[in-house]
Amino acid sequence: ARTAIEKAVAARLSVPPKAPAATAVPSTLTVRWQS
């Protein structure tokens, strides 16, 4: 498992992923509580 983590991270970061554009678009967060 740890070898898989190391290899996957190394491979994915070898070409850094494209950064998403930072946004300030309003979102709605809804939470249902037990109490």
PDB file of all heavy atoms in Angstrom:
ATOM      1  N   ALA A   1       0.821  -1.199   0.000  1.00  0.00           N
ATOM      2  CA  ALA A   1       0.000   0.000   0.000  1.00  0.00           C
ATOM      3  C   ALA A   1       0.861   1.258   0.000  1.00  0.00           C
ATOM      4  O   ALA A   1       0.597   2.211  -0.745  1.00  0.00           O
ATOM      5  CB  ALA A   1      -0.931  -0.006   1.206  1.00  0.00           C
ATOM      6  N   ARG A   2       1.892   1.275   0.815  1.00  0.00           N
ATOM      7  CA  ARG A   2       2.736   2.475   0.893  1.00  0.00           C
ATOM      8  C   ARG A   2       3.569   2.674  -0.354  1.00  0.00           C
ATOM      9  O   ARG A   2       3.800   3.813  -0.779  1.00  0.00           O
ATOM     10  CB  ARG A   2       3.586   2.401   2.155  1.00  0.00           C
ATOM     11  CG  ARG A   2       2.734   2.667   3.388  1.00  0.00           C
ATOM     12  CD  ARG A   2       3.301   2.136   4.648  1.00  0.00           C
ATOM     13  NE  ARG A   2       2.293   2.251   5.706  1.00  0.00           N
ATOM     14  CZ  ARG A   2       2.263   1.492   6.781  1.00  0.00           C
ATOM     15  NH1 ARG A   2       3.167   0.538   6.945  1.00  0.00           N
ATOM     16  NH2 ARG A   2       1.316   1.660   7.689  1.00  0.00           N
ATOM     17  N   THR A   3       3.997   1.589  -0.955  1.00  0.00           N
ATOM     18  CA  THR A   3       4.694   1.707  -2.232  1.00  0.00           C
ATOM     19  C   THR A   3       3.760   2.285  -3.284  1.00  0.00           C
ATOM     20  O   THR A   3       4.152   3.135  -4.091  1.00  0.00           O
ATOM     21  CB  THR A   3       5.223   0.339  -2.685  1.00  0.00           C
ATOM     22  OG1 THR A   3       6.186  -0.133  -1.734  1.00  0.00           O
ATOM     23  CG2 THR A   3       5.886   0.437  -4.051  1.00  0.00           C
ATOM     24  N   ALA A   4       2.501   1.846  -3.263  1.00  0.00           N
ATOM     25  CA  ALA A   4       1.517   2.360  -4.210  1.00  0.00           C
ATOM     26  C   ALA A   4       1.277   3.854  -4.003  1.00  0.00           C
ATOM     27  O   ALA A   4       1.152   4.617  -4.972  1.00  0.00           O
ATOM     28  CB  ALA A   4       0.205   1.587  -4.078  1.00  0.00           C
ATOM     29  N   ILE A   5       1.204   4.283  -2.739  1.00  0.00           N
ATOM     30  CA  ILE A   5       1.027   5.711  -2.442  1.00  0.00           C
ATOM     31  C   ILE A   5       2.201   6.517  -2.989  1.00  0.00           C
ATOM     32  O   ILE A   5       2.028   7.525  -3.685  1.00  0.00           O
ATOM     33  CB  ILE A   5       0.887   5.941  -0.932  1.00  0.00           C
ATOM     34  CG1 ILE A   5      -0.426   5.346  -0.405  1.00  0.00           C
ATOM     35  CG2 ILE A   5       0.944   7.441  -0.604  1.00  0.00           C
ATOM     36  CD1 ILE A   5      -0.544   5.343   1.107  1.00  0.00           C
ATOM     37  N   GLU A   6       3.406   6.075  -2.670  1.00  0.00           N
ATOM     38  CA  GLU A   6       4.604   6.794  -3.099  1.00  0.00           C
ATOM     39  C   GLU A   6       4.677   6.912  -4.617  1.00  0.00           C
ATOM     40  O   GLU A   6       4.926   7.995  -5.170  1.00  0.00           O
ATOM     41  CB  GLU A   6       5.850   6.088  -2.558  1.00  0.00           C
ATOM     42  CG  GLU A   6       7.143   6.784  -2.904  1.00  0.00           C
ATOM     43  CD  GLU A   6       8.363   6.122  -2.277  1.00  0.00           C
ATOM     44  OE1 GLU A   6       8.182   5.244  -1.401  1.00  0.00           O
ATOM     45  OE2 GLU A   6       9.491   6.470  -2.670  1.00  0.00           O
ATOM     46  N   LYS A   7       4.443   5.807  -5.308  1.00  0.00           N
ATOM     47  CA  LYS A   7       4.531   5.815  -6.767  1.00  0.00           C
ATOM     48  C   LYS A   7       3.429   6.668  -7.388  1.00  0.00           C
ATOM     49  O   LYS A   7       3.662   7.397  -8.364  1.00  0.00           O
ATOM     50  CB  LYS A   7       4.452   4.383  -7.296  1.00  0.00           C
ATOM     51  CG  LYS A   7       5.703   3.554  -7.013  1.00  0.00           C
ATOM     52  CD  LYS A   7       5.587   2.160  -7.628  1.00  0.00           C
ATOM     53  CE  LYS A   7       6.874   1.368  -7.443  1.00  0.00           C
ATOM     54  NZ  LYS A   7       6.772   0.005  -8.032  1.00  0.00           N
ATOM     55  N   ALA A   8       2.223   6.583  -6.839  1.00  0.00           N
ATOM     56  CA  ALA A   8       1.110   7.352  -7.395  1.00  0.00           C
ATOM     57  C   ALA A   8       1.341   8.852  -7.237  1.00  0.00           C
ATOM     58  O   ALA A   8       1.085   9.637  -8.161  1.00  0.00           O
ATOM     59  CB  ALA A   8      -0.193   6.942  -6.721  1.00  0.00           C
ATOM     60  N   VAL A   9       1.813   9.262  -6.065  1.00  0.00           N
ATOM     61  CA  VAL A   9       2.080  10.683  -5.829  1.00  0.00           C
ATOM     62  C   VAL A   9       3.199  11.168  -6.745  1.00  0.00           C
ATOM     63  O   VAL A   9       3.092  12.236  -7.371  1.00  0.00           O
ATOM     64  CB  VAL A   9       2.424  10.934  -4.351  1.00  0.00           C
ATOM     65  CG1 VAL A   9       2.949  12.357  -4.150  1.00  0.00           C
ATOM     66  CG2 VAL A   9       1.207  10.698  -3.469  1.00  0.00           C
ATOM     67  N   ALA A  10       4.276  10.405  -6.836  1.00  0.00           N
ATOM     68  CA  ALA A  10       5.400  10.801  -7.688  1.00  0.00           C
ATOM     69  C   ALA A  10       4.967  10.942  -9.137  1.00  0.00           C
ATOM     70  O   ALA A  10       5.322  11.918  -9.821  1.00  0.00           O
ATOM     71  CB  ALA A  10       6.530   9.789  -7.564  1.00  0.00           C
ATOM     72  N   ALA A  11       4.169   9.989  -9.612  1.00  0.00           N
ATOM     73  CA  ALA A  11       3.723  10.038 -11.002  1.00  0.00           C
ATOM     74  C   ALA A  11       2.779  11.211 -11.240  1.00  0.00           C
ATOM     75  O   ALA A  11       2.885  11.914 -12.253  1.00  0.00           O
ATOM     76  CB  ALA A  11       3.042   8.726 -11.367  1.00  0.00           C
ATOM     77  N   ARG A  12       1.859  11.443 -10.317  1.00  0.00           N
ATOM     78  CA  ARG A  12       0.874  12.516 -10.509  1.00  0.00           C
ATOM     79  C   ARG A  12       1.525  13.889 -10.456  1.00  0.00           C
ATOM     80  O   ARG A  12       1.129  14.803 -11.194  1.00  0.00           O
ATOM     81  CB  ARG A  12      -0.213  12.425  -9.430  1.00  0.00           C
ATOM     82  CG  ARG A  12      -1.345  13.420  -9.628  1.00  0.00           C
ATOM     83  CD  ARG A  12      -2.141  13.066 -10.867  1.00  0.00           C
ATOM     84  NE  ARG A  12      -3.203  14.008 -11.140  1.00  0.00           N
ATOM     85  CZ  ARG A  12      -3.092  15.098 -11.897  1.00  0.00           C
ATOM     86  NH1 ARG A  12      -1.911  15.369 -12.456  1.00  0.00           N
ATOM     87  NH2 ARG A  12      -4.098  15.908 -12.119  1.00  0.00           N
ATOM     88  N   LEU A  13       2.527  14.057  -9.606  1.00  0.00           N
ATOM     89  CA  LEU A  13       3.162  15.363  -9.453  1.00  0.00           C
ATOM     90  C   LEU A  13       4.295  15.600 -10.439  1.00  0.00           C
ATOM     91  O   LEU A  13       4.831  16.705 -10.504  1.00  0.00           O
ATOM     92  CB  LEU A  13       3.685  15.535  -8.024  1.00  0.00           C
ATOM     93  CG  LEU A  13       2.625  15.569  -6.916  1.00  0.00           C
ATOM     94  CD1 LEU A  13       3.292  15.757  -5.562  1.00  0.00           C
ATOM     95  CD2 LEU A  13       1.597  16.673  -7.162  1.00  0.00           C
ATOM     96  N   SER A  14       4.665  14.574 -11.179  1.00  0.00           N
ATOM     97  CA  SER A  14       5.742  14.754 -12.156  1.00  0.00           C
ATOM     98  C   SER A  14       5.339  15.787 -13.209  1.00  0.00           C
ATOM     99  O   SER A  14       6.185  16.500 -13.766  1.00  0.00           O
ATOM    100  CB  SER A  14       6.076  13.424 -12.835  1.00  0.00           C
ATOM    101  OG  SER A  14       4.951  12.914 -13.542  1.00  0.00           O
ATOM    102  N   VAL A  15       4.051  15.892 -13.483  1.00  0.00           N
ATOM    103  CA  VAL A  15       3.481  16.975 -14.289  1.00  0.00           C
ATOM    104  C   VAL A  15       2.424  17.629 -13.404  1.00  0.00           C
ATOM    105  O   VAL A  15       1.296  17.125 -13.322  1.00  0.00           O
ATOM    106  CB  VAL A  15       2.856  16.469 -15.594  1.00  0.00           C
ATOM    107  CG1 VAL A  15       2.278  17.636 -16.386  1.00  0.00           C
ATOM    108  CG2 VAL A  15       3.875  15.713 -16.427  1.00  0.00           C
ATOM    109  N   PRO A  16       2.760  18.692 -12.686  1.00  0.00           N
ATOM    110  CA  PRO A  16       1.832  19.270 -11.718  1.00  0.00           C
ATOM    111  C   PRO A  16       0.468  19.554 -12.330  1.00  0.00           C
ATOM    112  O   PRO A  16       0.367  20.039 -13.460  1.00  0.00           O
ATOM    113  CB  PRO A  16       2.525  20.580 -11.304  1.00  0.00           C
ATOM    114  CG  PRO A  16       3.977  20.302 -11.526  1.00  0.00           C
ATOM    115  CD  PRO A  16       4.028  19.426 -12.749  1.00  0.00           C
ATOM    116  N   PRO A  17      -0.603  19.203 -11.618  1.00  0.00           N
ATOM    117  CA  PRO A  17      -1.953  19.429 -12.146  1.00  0.00           C
ATOM    118  C   PRO A  17      -2.239  20.914 -12.328  1.00  0.00           C
ATOM    119  O   PRO A  17      -1.691  21.760 -11.620  1.00  0.00           O
ATOM    120  CB  PRO A  17      -2.860  18.803 -11.082  1.00  0.00           C
ATOM    121  CG  PRO A  17      -2.035  18.777  -9.837  1.00  0.00           C
ATOM    122  CD  PRO A  17      -0.619  18.587 -10.275  1.00  0.00           C
ATOM    123  N   LYS A  18      -3.081  21.208 -13.277  1.00  0.00           N
ATOM    124  CA  LYS A  18      -3.443  22.593 -13.569  1.00  0.00           C
ATOM    125  C   LYS A  18      -4.264  23.169 -12.429  1.00  0.00           C
ATOM    126  O   LYS A  18      -5.207  22.545 -11.945  1.00  0.00           O
ATOM    127  CB  LYS A  18      -4.236  22.666 -14.872  1.00  0.00           C
ATOM    128  CG  LYS A  18      -4.604  24.078 -15.288  1.00  0.00           C
ATOM    129  CD  LYS A  18      -5.375  24.076 -16.603  1.00  0.00           C
ATOM    130  CE  LYS A  18      -5.761  25.498 -17.014  1.00  0.00           C
ATOM    131  NZ  LYS A  18      -6.523  25.507 -18.288  1.00  0.00           N
ATOM    132  N   ALA A  19      -3.895  24.367 -12.006  1.00  0.00           N
ATOM    133  CA  ALA A  19      -4.603  25.002 -10.897  1.00  0.00           C
ATOM    134  C   ALA A  19      -5.962  25.500 -11.349  1.00  0.00           C
ATOM    135  O   ALA A  19      -6.067  26.135 -12.407  1.00  0.00           O
ATOM    136  CB  ALA A  19      -3.783  26.155 -10.342  1.00  0.00           C
ATOM    137  N   PRO A  20      -7.011  25.225 -10.577  1.00  0.00           N
ATOM    138  CA  PRO A  20      -8.319  25.803 -10.907  1.00  0.00           C
ATOM    139  C   PRO A  20      -8.302  27.294 -10.623  1.00  0.00           C
ATOM    140  O   PRO A  20      -7.495  27.775  -9.806  1.00  0.00           O
ATOM    141  CB  PRO A  20      -9.269  25.066  -9.958  1.00  0.00           C
ATOM    142  CG  PRO A  20      -8.413  24.680  -8.796  1.00  0.00           C
ATOM    143  CD  PRO A  20      -7.044  24.420  -9.353  1.00  0.00           C
ATOM    144  N   ALA A  21      -9.151  28.026 -11.277  1.00  0.00           N
ATOM    145  CA  ALA A  21      -9.250  29.454 -11.013  1.00  0.00           C
ATOM    146  C   ALA A  21      -9.905  29.673  -9.653  1.00  0.00           C
ATOM    147  O   ALA A  21     -10.980  29.134  -9.379  1.00  0.00           O
ATOM    148  CB  ALA A  21     -10.063  30.138 -12.111  1.00  0.00           C
ATOM    149  N   ALA A  22      -9.236  30.446  -8.784  1.00  0.00           N
ATOM    150  CA  ALA A  22      -9.825  30.756  -7.489  1.00  0.00           C
ATOM    151  C   ALA A  22     -11.141  31.502  -7.706  1.00  0.00           C
ATOM    152  O   ALA A  22     -11.239  32.375  -8.575  1.00  0.00           O
ATOM    153  CB  ALA A  22      -8.865  31.598  -6.662  1.00  0.00           C
ATOM    154  N   THR A  23     -12.156  31.132  -6.939  1.00  0.00           N
ATOM    155  CA  THR A  23     -13.479  31.711  -7.144  1.00  0.00           C
ATOM    156  C   THR A  23     -14.040  32.285  -5.851  1.00  0.00           C
ATOM    157  O   THR A  23     -13.585  31.953  -4.752  1.00  0.00           O
ATOM    158  CB  THR A  23     -14.464  30.649  -7.660  1.00  0.00           C
ATOM    159  OG1 THR A  23     -14.617  29.631  -6.664  1.00  0.00           O
ATOM    160  CG2 THR A  23     -13.972  30.031  -8.953  1.00  0.00           C
ATOM    161  N   ALA A  24     -15.029  33.159  -6.018  1.00  0.00           N
ATOM    162  CA  ALA A  24     -15.753  33.699  -4.868  1.00  0.00           C
ATOM    163  C   ALA A  24     -17.251  33.579  -5.118  1.00  0.00           C
ATOM    164  O   ALA A  24     -18.037  34.433  -4.725  1.00  0.00           O
ATOM    165  CB  ALA A  24     -15.348  35.151  -4.623  1.00  0.00           C
ATOM    166  N   VAL A  25     -17.642  32.499  -5.803  1.00  0.00           N
ATOM    167  CA  VAL A  25     -19.048  32.269  -6.140  1.00  0.00           C
ATOM    168  C   VAL A  25     -19.792  31.753  -4.906  1.00  0.00           C
ATOM    169  O   VAL A  25     -19.334  30.792  -4.266  1.00  0.00           O
ATOM    170  CB  VAL A  25     -19.169  31.261  -7.296  1.00  0.00           C
ATOM    171  CG1 VAL A  25     -20.629  30.988  -7.607  1.00  0.00           C
ATOM    172  CG2 VAL A  25     -18.433  31.781  -8.523  1.00  0.00           C
ATOM    173  N   PRO A  26     -20.911  32.348  -4.534  1.00  0.00           N
ATOM    174  CA  PRO A  26     -21.652  31.878  -3.357  1.00  0.00           C
ATOM    175  C   PRO A  26     -22.125  30.433  -3.511  1.00  0.00           C
ATOM    176  O   PRO A  26     -22.539  30.014  -4.592  1.00  0.00           O
ATOM    177  CB  PRO A  26     -22.835  32.841  -3.277  1.00  0.00           C
ATOM    178  CG  PRO A  26     -22.403  34.046  -4.025  1.00  0.00           C
ATOM    179  CD  PRO A  26     -21.526  33.542  -5.130  1.00  0.00           C
ATOM    180  N   SER A  27     -22.021  29.685  -2.444  1.00  0.00           N
ATOM    181  CA  SER A  27     -22.528  28.321  -2.382  1.00  0.00           C
ATOM    182  C   SER A  27     -23.484  28.219  -1.205  1.00  0.00           C
ATOM    183  O   SER A  27     -23.498  29.085  -0.318  1.00  0.00           O
ATOM    184  CB  SER A  27     -21.387  27.318  -2.209  1.00  0.00           C
ATOM    185  OG  SER A  27     -20.575  27.267  -3.357  1.00  0.00           O
ATOM    186  N   THR A  28     -24.265  27.137  -1.196  1.00  0.00           N
ATOM    187  CA  THR A  28     -25.168  26.879  -0.078  1.00  0.00           C
ATOM    188  C   THR A  28     -24.757  25.576   0.590  1.00  0.00           C
ATOM    189  O   THR A  28     -24.687  24.532  -0.067  1.00  0.00           O
ATOM    190  CB  THR A  28     -26.630  26.775  -0.547  1.00  0.00           C
ATOM    191  OG1 THR A  28     -27.015  28.005  -1.161  1.00  0.00           O
ATOM    192  CG2 THR A  28     -27.556  26.493   0.640  1.00  0.00           C
ATOM    193  N   LEU A  29     -24.465  25.645   1.877  1.00  0.00           N
ATOM    194  CA  LEU A  29     -24.135  24.455   2.661  1.00  0.00           C
ATOM    195  C   LEU A  29     -25.305  24.137   3.575  1.00  0.00           C
ATOM    196  O   LEU A  29     -25.766  25.003   4.328  1.00  0.00           O
ATOM    197  CB  LEU A  29     -22.870  24.684   3.490  1.00  0.00           C
ATOM    198  CG  LEU A  29     -22.423  23.508   4.357  1.00  0.00           C
ATOM    199  CD1 LEU A  29     -22.012  22.315   3.491  1.00  0.00           C
ATOM    200  CD2 LEU A  29     -21.275  23.909   5.279  1.00  0.00           C
ATOM    201  N   THR A  30     -25.782  22.905   3.499  1.00  0.00           N
ATOM    202  CA  THR A  30     -26.908  22.453   4.314  1.00  0.00           C
ATOM    203  C   THR A  30     -26.461  21.257   5.145  1.00  0.00           C
ATOM    204  O   THR A  30     -25.822  20.339   4.624  1.00  0.00           O
ATOM    205  CB  THR A  30     -28.096  22.040   3.423  1.00  0.00           C
ATOM    206  OG1 THR A  30     -28.429  23.118   2.552  1.00  0.00           O
ATOM    207  CG2 THR A  30     -29.301  21.662   4.266  1.00  0.00           C
ATOM    208  N   VAL A  31     -26.762  21.269   6.433  1.00  0.00           N
ATOM    209  CA  VAL A  31     -26.347  20.195   7.336  1.00  0.00           C
ATOM    210  C   VAL A  31     -27.542  19.731   8.159  1.00  0.00           C
ATOM    211  O   VAL A  31     -28.249  20.546   8.769  1.00  0.00           O
ATOM    212  CB  VAL A  31     -25.217  20.656   8.287  1.00  0.00           C
ATOM    213  CG1 VAL A  31     -24.836  19.520   9.234  1.00  0.00           C
ATOM    214  CG2 VAL A  31     -24.007  21.127   7.497  1.00  0.00           C
ATOM    215  N   ARG A  32     -27.760  18.422   8.146  1.00  0.00           N
ATOM    216  CA  ARG A  32     -28.806  17.814   8.982  1.00  0.00           C
ATOM    217  C   ARG A  32     -28.138  17.170  10.185  1.00  0.00           C
ATOM    218  O   ARG A  32     -27.307  16.269  10.043  1.00  0.00           O
ATOM    219  CB  ARG A  32     -29.599  16.779   8.200  1.00  0.00           C
ATOM    220  CG  ARG A  32     -30.742  16.140   9.008  1.00  0.00           C
ATOM    221  CD  ARG A  32     -31.619  15.270   8.121  1.00  0.00           C
ATOM    222  NE  ARG A  32     -32.700  14.642   8.861  1.00  0.00           N
ATOM    223  CZ  ARG A  32     -33.854  15.240   9.169  1.00  0.00           C
ATOM    224  NH1 ARG A  32     -34.063  16.490   8.814  1.00  0.00           N
ATOM    225  NH2 ARG A  32     -34.794  14.596   9.826  1.00  0.00           N
ATOM    226  N   TRP A  33     -28.502  17.640  11.377  1.00  0.00           N
ATOM    227  CA  TRP A  33     -27.897  17.186  12.620  1.00  0.00           C
ATOM    228  C   TRP A  33     -28.728  16.084  13.265  1.00  0.00           C
ATOM    229  O   TRP A  33     -29.953  15.999  13.059  1.00  0.00           O
ATOM    230  CB  TRP A  33     -27.758  18.351  13.594  1.00  0.00           C
ATOM    231  CG  TRP A  33     -26.945  19.477  13.052  1.00  0.00           C
ATOM    232  CD1 TRP A  33     -27.394  20.527  12.306  1.00  0.00           C
ATOM    233  CD2 TRP A  33     -25.535  19.643  13.183  1.00  0.00           C
ATOM    234  NE1 TRP A  33     -26.345  21.340  11.964  1.00  0.00           N
ATOM    235  CE2 TRP A  33     -25.197  20.829  12.485  1.00  0.00           C
ATOM    236  CE3 TRP A  33     -24.521  18.924  13.818  1.00  0.00           C
ATOM    237  CZ2 TRP A  33     -23.886  21.295  12.409  1.00  0.00           C
ATOM    238  CZ3 TRP A  33     -23.223  19.387  13.750  1.00  0.00           C
ATOM    239  CH2 TRP A  33     -22.914  20.553  13.046  1.00  0.00           C
ATOM    240  N   GLN A  34     -28.101  15.285  14.074  1.00  0.00           N
ATOM    241  CA  GLN A  34     -28.831  14.281  14.857  1.00  0.00           C
ATOM    242  C   GLN A  34     -29.683  14.962  15.916  1.00  0.00           C
ATOM    243  O   GLN A  34     -30.757  14.476  16.264  1.00  0.00           O
ATOM    244  CB  GLN A  34     -27.837  13.307  15.494  1.00  0.00           C
ATOM    245  CG  GLN A  34     -28.457  12.124  16.204  1.00  0.00           C
ATOM    246  CD  GLN A  34     -28.849  12.429  17.639  1.00  0.00           C
ATOM    247  OE1 GLN A  34     -28.288  13.320  18.274  1.00  0.00           O
ATOM    248  NE2 GLN A  34     -29.822  11.683  18.150  1.00  0.00           N
ATOM    249  N   SER A  35     -29.216  16.102  16.401  1.00  0.00           N
ATOM    250  CA  SER A  35     -29.872  16.779  17.523  1.00  0.00           C
ATOM    251  C   SER A  35     -30.562  18.056  17.076  1.00  0.00           C
ATOM    252  O   SER A  35     -29.944  18.938  16.464  1.00  0.00           O
ATOM    253  CB  SER A  35     -28.830  17.116  18.600  1.00  0.00           C
ATOM    254  OG  SER A  35     -29.365  17.985  19.569  1.00  0.00           O
TER     255      SER A  35
END
